[in-house]
Amino acid sequence: MTKRTGGKDQYSFLKQIGDQSYPPLIIQSADGVVTLDAKYIILENYSEKYKPKIVIEHIFGQINPRVRYSNTERTIDLRFTLAARNVHEAKANLEYCSKLARSPYGTWAVSDINQVSDRAVFDWAYHSQVSYIVNFGTLLRNQTVKVTSFDFEINFDAGVFDYGSTPVSDKMPDQVVDNYIGGQGYAEPSSKNIGQLLDDRWFSKGQQPGATLKEQEYVYHGEAGAVYPKAVSVNISMLALHSRPLCFGGSPRTEGSVGWSFTGEDGAVSNWPHGTGGDEFSPHSVAPYCQPDETGTSLPSDRTEQVLDEWDAKMGEVDTGDPPERSLEWIANSIELK
């Protein structure tokens, strides 16, 4: 497996460290239309929640309620910081947040076209919620999600890149010449403010550092009234979608699979958080209780006892001598696993 890299428009030192040893956050729409730049983020929090959707019915005269299960919902929450060492990186971070902010919105389609006078009037209707594919190291691998919320906050305590209004010469020290014009005196020097000068030097090199402007020196800009933060905090919540049920066992589990958070779209056995499949980036093996048993199925302990009791009762009705060994294989073949 080739390590994914990222860091476009990020500080070169951060990109270098990330390319060597840190996973980028990669987000793209399932249809491939929207692809965000792979970012090296400063992760502050990662959490997953598994919440069963159940209906509890209280029945008159019964001690315990009746519980009906529909499915288990898995949600993922990410909190991270995007830091910037110069104006260019700060702009790229805001552009990244601008794209992320569109992710909770649905898509719309034309539902009807009406002719009004000499023009067409389009009626729009909600079409669908976009699905995204998220990759982040071994935590998320080709995970399909729906984005349920997004918010970001500017950390003003970290500082901002200000508008550079101080007038300066647009010439390098070795380019300054005597500007005396005979009979007219000295001409007005050609000058810009420092923000405009740094912008010009950055863009003259294709938005890259050069001999006249180092990467860490681009700390003022020429846009009056604009504020570019040095740090932005991002929170994003996602609903995970799965092609297989989330469960430790039972008949829905594919033979040979291990169940826990297993999607299998890319053939990876993730089993987060108990093991990560054992690729070259995470050699941890799958936990024993996530591994398939001899029959490829598992059975809840209370249901096991119920079936064993049923077997004992059945054997007591017919004199067959010594009852055969009660095996999990027989149990699994004798009942419908839930």
Protein backbone atom coordinates (compact mmCIF):
# COMPACT_ATOMS: atom_id res chain seq x y z
CA MET A 1 0.00 0.00 0.00
CA THR A 2 1.40 3.38 -1.02
CA LYS A 3 1.24 6.10 1.61
CA ARG A 4 -1.12 8.92 0.68
CA THR A 5 0.42 12.39 0.74
CA GLY A 6 -0.97 15.91 0.72
CA GLY A 7 -0.01 19.37 1.90
CA LYS A 8 -0.84 21.47 -1.17
CA ASP A 9 -0.50 25.19 -0.26
CA GLN A 10 0.80 24.26 3.20
CA TYR A 11 4.04 25.32 4.87
CA SER A 12 6.90 23.30 3.37
CA PHE A 13 8.22 22.06 6.73
CA LEU A 14 4.75 20.80 7.72
CA LYS A 15 4.32 19.14 4.33
CA GLN A 16 7.72 17.47 4.65
CA ILE A 17 6.90 16.05 8.08
CA GLY A 18 3.47 14.95 6.92
CA ASP A 19 4.72 13.26 3.77
CA GLN A 20 7.15 11.25 5.88
CA SER A 21 5.04 10.14 8.80
CA TYR A 22 1.59 11.72 9.12
CA PRO A 23 -1.69 10.91 7.33
CA PRO A 24 -3.55 13.66 5.46
CA LEU A 25 -7.29 14.22 5.75
CA ILE A 26 -8.78 13.43 2.33
CA ILE A 27 -12.41 14.27 1.52
CA GLN A 28 -14.14 13.90 -1.84
CA SER A 29 -17.70 13.43 -3.01
CA ALA A 30 -18.73 9.88 -3.85
CA ASP A 31 -19.36 10.89 -7.48
CA GLY A 32 -15.86 12.39 -7.75
CA VAL A 33 -17.12 15.85 -8.68
CA VAL A 34 -15.89 17.55 -5.49
CA THR A 35 -12.36 16.86 -4.24
CA LEU A 36 -10.81 18.86 -1.42
CA ASP A 37 -7.05 19.24 -1.12
CA ALA A 38 -5.47 16.57 1.07
CA LYS A 39 -4.67 18.48 4.27
CA TYR A 40 -2.25 17.79 7.10
CA ILE A 41 -4.30 18.82 10.11
CA ILE A 42 -3.54 19.32 13.79
CA LEU A 43 -5.98 16.77 15.22
CA GLU A 44 -7.53 17.80 18.54
CA ASN A 45 -10.26 15.21 18.94
CA TYR A 46 -11.59 12.12 17.18
CA SER A 47 -14.61 10.25 18.44
CA GLU A 48 -17.07 7.63 17.21
CA LYS A 49 -20.50 6.89 18.63
CA TYR A 50 -22.54 3.73 18.07
CA LYS A 51 -26.19 4.31 18.91
CA PRO A 52 -28.86 1.64 18.38
CA LYS A 53 -32.20 2.80 17.05
CA ILE A 54 -34.75 1.05 19.24
CA VAL A 55 -38.44 1.43 20.06
CA ILE A 56 -39.40 0.68 23.65
CA GLU A 57 -42.99 -0.42 24.17
CA HIS A 58 -44.40 -0.72 27.67
CA ILE A 59 -47.03 -3.46 27.75
CA PHE A 60 -49.70 -3.56 30.44
CA GLY A 61 -49.08 -6.33 32.94
CA GLN A 62 -45.52 -7.10 31.90
CA ILE A 63 -42.56 -6.27 34.09
CA ASN A 64 -40.12 -5.51 31.28
CA PRO A 65 -40.80 -3.46 28.16
CA ARG A 66 -40.70 -4.88 24.66
CA VAL A 67 -37.69 -3.59 22.74
CA ARG A 68 -37.70 -3.49 18.95
CA TYR A 69 -34.42 -2.84 17.16
CA SER A 70 -34.07 -1.27 13.72
CA ASN A 71 -30.38 -0.50 13.19
CA THR A 72 -27.23 0.88 14.80
CA GLU A 73 -26.18 4.38 13.81
CA ARG A 74 -22.47 5.20 13.70
CA THR A 75 -21.47 8.87 13.91
CA ILE A 76 -17.99 10.35 13.63
CA ASP A 77 -16.82 13.67 15.08
CA LEU A 78 -13.58 15.41 14.10
CA ARG A 79 -12.09 18.52 15.66
CA PHE A 80 -8.86 19.92 14.28
CA THR A 81 -6.86 23.10 13.72
CA LEU A 82 -5.59 24.53 10.46
CA ALA A 83 -2.51 26.66 11.12
CA ALA A 84 -0.82 29.13 8.77
CA ARG A 85 2.73 30.44 8.63
CA ASN A 86 2.11 33.03 5.89
CA VAL A 87 -0.64 34.90 4.04
CA HIS A 88 -0.88 32.36 1.24
CA GLU A 89 -1.47 29.45 3.63
CA ALA A 90 -4.07 31.46 5.58
CA LYS A 91 -6.00 32.14 2.36
CA ALA A 92 -5.83 28.45 1.42
CA ASN A 93 -7.20 27.46 4.85
CA LEU A 94 -10.19 29.79 4.47
CA GLU A 95 -10.84 28.45 0.96
CA TYR A 96 -10.73 24.91 2.38
CA CYS A 97 -13.27 25.86 5.07
CA SER A 98 -15.46 27.50 2.44
CA LYS A 99 -15.64 24.21 0.53
CA LEU A 100 -16.29 22.20 3.69
CA ALA A 101 -19.11 24.58 4.63
CA ARG A 102 -21.02 23.45 1.53
CA SER A 103 -20.97 19.79 2.53
CA PRO A 104 -24.03 19.79 4.86
CA TYR A 105 -26.20 21.29 2.11
CA GLY A 106 -28.36 19.19 -0.17
CA THR A 107 -28.45 19.25 -3.95
CA TRP A 108 -31.32 20.69 -5.96
CA ALA A 109 -32.77 19.85 -9.35
CA VAL A 110 -35.21 21.51 -11.74
CA SER A 111 -38.68 20.07 -11.09
CA ASP A 112 -40.68 22.16 -13.55
CA ILE A 113 -40.29 24.88 -16.17
CA ASN A 114 -43.02 27.48 -16.70
CA GLN A 115 -43.29 30.09 -19.44
CA VAL A 116 -43.97 33.55 -18.03
CA SER A 117 -44.29 36.22 -20.74
CA ASP A 118 -41.15 35.90 -22.82
CA ARG A 119 -38.99 34.07 -20.29
CA ALA A 120 -38.74 30.67 -18.65
CA VAL A 121 -39.18 30.31 -14.89
CA PHE A 122 -37.58 27.29 -13.25
CA ASP A 123 -39.01 25.52 -10.20
CA TRP A 124 -36.39 23.84 -8.03
CA ALA A 125 -36.87 20.92 -5.65
CA TYR A 126 -34.62 19.14 -3.18
CA HIS A 127 -32.85 16.24 -4.87
CA SER A 128 -30.48 14.49 -2.45
CA GLN A 129 -27.83 14.80 0.23
CA VAL A 130 -24.30 14.40 -1.14
CA SER A 131 -22.29 11.40 0.04
CA TYR A 132 -18.58 11.86 0.70
CA ILE A 133 -15.64 9.45 0.88
CA VAL A 134 -13.28 10.21 3.78
CA ASN A 135 -9.77 8.90 4.39
CA PHE A 136 -7.68 9.68 7.45
CA GLY A 137 -4.90 7.23 8.20
CA THR A 138 -6.16 3.98 9.70
CA LEU A 139 -9.05 5.69 11.46
CA LEU A 140 -11.09 6.19 8.30
CA ARG A 141 -10.40 4.26 5.13
CA ASN A 142 -12.67 4.89 2.15
CA GLN A 143 -15.49 5.56 4.58
CA THR A 144 -18.74 6.75 2.98
CA VAL A 145 -20.45 9.46 5.05
CA LYS A 146 -23.12 12.12 5.07
CA VAL A 147 -21.93 15.38 6.65
CA THR A 148 -24.43 16.36 9.35
CA SER A 149 -22.77 19.51 10.68
CA PHE A 150 -19.78 21.77 10.13
CA ASP A 151 -18.52 24.81 11.99
CA PHE A 152 -15.27 26.70 12.22
CA GLU A 153 -13.90 29.34 14.56
CA ILE A 154 -11.11 31.84 14.08
CA ASN A 155 -8.57 31.77 16.89
CA PHE A 156 -7.80 35.46 17.28
CA ASP A 157 -5.44 34.75 20.17
CA ALA A 158 -3.10 33.12 17.65
CA GLY A 159 -3.01 36.38 15.67
CA VAL A 160 -3.80 37.45 12.12
CA PHE A 161 -1.91 38.55 9.03
CA ASP A 162 -2.57 42.29 8.70
CA TYR A 163 -2.87 44.68 5.83
CA GLY A 164 0.57 46.19 5.23
CA SER A 165 0.00 49.92 4.78
CA THR A 166 3.57 51.15 5.35
CA PRO A 167 4.97 52.76 2.14
CA VAL A 168 8.18 51.16 0.88
CA SER A 169 10.26 51.27 -2.28
CA ASP A 170 9.51 48.56 -4.79
CA LYS A 171 13.20 48.23 -5.63
CA MET A 172 15.75 46.03 -3.98
CA PRO A 173 18.64 47.88 -2.25
CA ASP A 174 21.05 47.09 -5.09
CA GLN A 175 18.57 48.50 -7.63
CA VAL A 176 18.24 51.99 -6.08
CA VAL A 177 19.75 54.66 -8.37
CA ASP A 178 20.14 58.40 -8.27
CA ASN A 179 16.79 59.77 -9.46
CA TYR A 180 18.01 63.40 -10.02
CA ILE A 181 16.75 64.85 -13.31
CA GLY A 182 18.75 67.79 -14.62
CA GLY A 183 16.88 71.09 -14.35
CA GLN A 184 13.92 69.40 -12.62
CA GLY A 185 15.29 68.24 -9.31
CA TYR A 186 14.60 64.82 -7.81
CA ALA A 187 11.67 62.76 -9.14
CA GLU A 188 9.19 61.20 -6.77
CA PRO A 189 10.37 57.67 -5.90
CA SER A 190 8.22 54.78 -7.15
CA SER A 191 6.70 53.25 -4.03
CA LYS A 192 4.00 50.87 -2.83
CA ASN A 193 2.89 49.79 0.58
CA ILE A 194 4.60 46.74 2.02
CA GLY A 195 1.52 44.53 1.61
CA GLN A 196 1.23 45.24 -2.12
CA LEU A 197 4.96 44.72 -2.55
CA LEU A 198 4.88 41.29 -0.87
CA ASP A 199 1.80 40.29 -2.89
CA ASP A 200 3.58 41.23 -6.14
CA ARG A 201 6.70 39.28 -5.24
CA TRP A 202 4.70 36.20 -4.23
CA PHE A 203 2.57 36.17 -7.40
CA SER A 204 5.57 36.90 -9.64
CA LYS A 205 6.91 33.45 -8.74
CA GLY A 206 3.64 31.65 -9.41
CA GLN A 207 2.49 31.91 -5.78
CA GLN A 208 5.69 30.31 -4.58
CA PRO A 209 8.61 31.62 -2.48
CA GLY A 210 11.63 32.94 -4.32
CA ALA A 211 14.89 34.83 -3.93
CA THR A 212 13.11 38.12 -3.18
CA LEU A 213 10.56 36.67 -0.75
CA LYS A 214 11.08 33.70 1.54
CA GLU A 215 8.16 31.51 2.61
CA GLN A 216 8.11 32.77 6.20
CA GLU A 217 8.48 36.44 5.13
CA TYR A 218 5.07 36.72 3.45
CA VAL A 219 3.37 38.09 6.55
CA TYR A 220 1.59 41.22 5.20
CA HIS A 221 -0.94 41.56 2.38
CA GLY A 222 -2.18 44.40 0.19
CA GLU A 223 -5.95 43.98 0.61
CA ALA A 224 -7.26 46.79 2.78
CA GLY A 225 -9.93 45.55 5.19
CA ALA A 226 -9.13 41.85 4.76
CA VAL A 227 -8.19 39.70 7.75
CA TYR A 228 -6.41 36.36 7.36
CA PRO A 229 -6.21 34.27 10.56
CA LYS A 230 -3.12 32.34 11.62
CA ALA A 231 -5.22 29.52 13.10
CA VAL A 232 -8.73 28.19 12.42
CA SER A 233 -10.51 25.55 14.51
CA VAL A 234 -12.81 23.18 12.61
CA ASN A 235 -15.53 20.81 13.84
CA ILE A 236 -17.20 18.35 11.49
CA SER A 237 -19.76 15.64 12.28
CA MET A 238 -20.55 12.76 9.92
CA LEU A 239 -23.02 9.91 9.70
CA ALA A 240 -21.24 6.76 8.52
CA LEU A 241 -22.88 4.63 5.84
CA HIS A 242 -22.17 0.91 5.59
CA SER A 243 -22.82 -1.80 3.04
CA ARG A 244 -22.99 -4.40 5.82
CA PRO A 245 -24.67 -4.30 9.25
CA LEU A 246 -22.60 -3.25 12.23
CA CYS A 247 -22.49 -6.28 14.50
CA PHE A 248 -20.18 -8.78 16.14
CA GLY A 249 -22.00 -11.77 14.73
CA GLY A 250 -25.20 -13.34 13.52
CA SER A 251 -26.47 -14.40 10.13
CA PRO A 252 -26.04 -10.96 8.49
CA ARG A 253 -22.28 -11.27 8.92
CA THR A 254 -20.50 -12.43 5.79
CA GLU A 255 -18.59 -15.68 6.24
CA GLY A 256 -14.95 -14.97 7.09
CA SER A 257 -15.53 -11.32 8.00
CA VAL A 258 -14.95 -10.03 11.50
CA GLY A 259 -17.84 -7.66 11.87
CA TRP A 260 -16.76 -4.62 13.84
CA SER A 261 -16.93 -1.47 11.69
CA PHE A 262 -16.09 -3.63 8.70
CA THR A 263 -17.03 -2.10 5.36
CA GLY A 264 -14.91 -4.06 2.94
CA GLU A 265 -15.32 -1.68 -0.01
CA ASP A 266 -11.55 -1.60 -0.51
CA GLY A 267 -10.85 -5.03 0.94
CA ALA A 268 -9.44 -3.54 4.16
CA VAL A 269 -10.26 -5.13 7.51
CA SER A 270 -10.28 -2.12 9.80
CA ASN A 271 -11.96 -3.32 13.02
CA TRP A 272 -11.51 0.11 14.57
CA PRO A 273 -10.86 0.65 17.43
CA HIS A 274 -9.79 -2.89 18.40
CA GLY A 275 -7.33 -3.50 15.58
CA THR A 276 -6.51 -2.06 12.22
CA GLY A 277 -6.00 -5.02 9.99
CA GLY A 278 -2.24 -5.23 10.05
CA ASP A 279 -1.04 -3.29 7.00
CA GLU A 280 2.44 -1.75 6.84
CA PHE A 281 1.24 1.44 8.53
CA SER A 282 -0.43 -0.28 11.49
CA PRO A 283 0.88 -3.74 12.36
CA HIS A 284 -1.67 -4.30 15.15
CA SER A 285 -3.56 -7.56 14.77
CA VAL A 286 -7.31 -7.94 15.08
CA ALA A 287 -8.54 -8.51 18.63
CA PRO A 288 -9.40 -12.18 19.36
CA TYR A 289 -13.10 -11.48 19.99
CA CYS A 290 -13.34 -9.80 16.57
CA GLN A 291 -12.01 -12.83 14.74
CA PRO A 292 -14.33 -15.35 13.08
CA ASP A 293 -15.09 -18.52 14.99
CA GLU A 294 -15.04 -22.08 13.62
CA THR A 295 -18.47 -21.83 12.01
CA GLY A 296 -18.11 -18.28 10.77
CA THR A 297 -20.91 -17.21 13.12
CA SER A 298 -21.30 -16.13 16.70
CA LEU A 299 -24.14 -16.40 19.13
CA PRO A 300 -25.27 -14.13 21.98
CA SER A 301 -24.77 -15.86 25.33
CA ASP A 302 -28.41 -15.61 26.47
CA ARG A 303 -29.67 -17.13 23.21
CA THR A 304 -27.09 -19.90 23.53
CA GLU A 305 -28.43 -20.92 26.93
CA GLN A 306 -31.98 -20.87 25.59
CA VAL A 307 -31.12 -23.24 22.75
CA LEU A 308 -29.19 -25.56 25.04
CA ASP A 309 -32.19 -25.77 27.34
CA GLU A 310 -34.41 -26.56 24.35
CA TRP A 311 -31.98 -29.34 23.33
CA ASP A 312 -31.98 -30.83 26.82
CA ALA A 313 -35.79 -30.82 26.86
CA LYS A 314 -35.93 -32.49 23.46
CA MET A 315 -33.47 -35.19 24.48
CA GLY A 316 -35.50 -35.85 27.60
CA GLU A 317 -38.64 -36.65 25.56
CA VAL A 318 -36.99 -39.42 23.50
CA ASP A 319 -34.82 -42.18 24.96
CA THR A 320 -31.84 -42.14 22.61
CA GLY A 321 -29.20 -43.18 25.10
CA ASP A 322 -26.39 -40.72 25.60
CA PRO A 323 -27.28 -37.37 23.95
CA PRO A 324 -24.88 -36.22 21.24
CA GLU A 325 -22.37 -33.53 22.07
CA ARG A 326 -23.99 -30.13 22.08
CA SER A 327 -21.87 -28.05 19.73
CA LEU A 328 -22.00 -24.47 18.60
CA GLU A 329 -22.18 -25.80 15.04
CA TRP A 330 -25.44 -27.61 15.80
CA ILE A 331 -26.78 -24.53 17.57
CA ALA A 332 -25.93 -22.27 14.66
CA ASN A 333 -27.63 -24.65 12.21
CA SER A 334 -30.71 -25.11 14.39
CA ILE A 335 -31.86 -21.55 14.87
CA GLU A 336 -32.03 -18.34 12.90
CA LEU A 337 -29.34 -16.08 14.34
CA LYS A 338 -30.44 -12.54 15.11
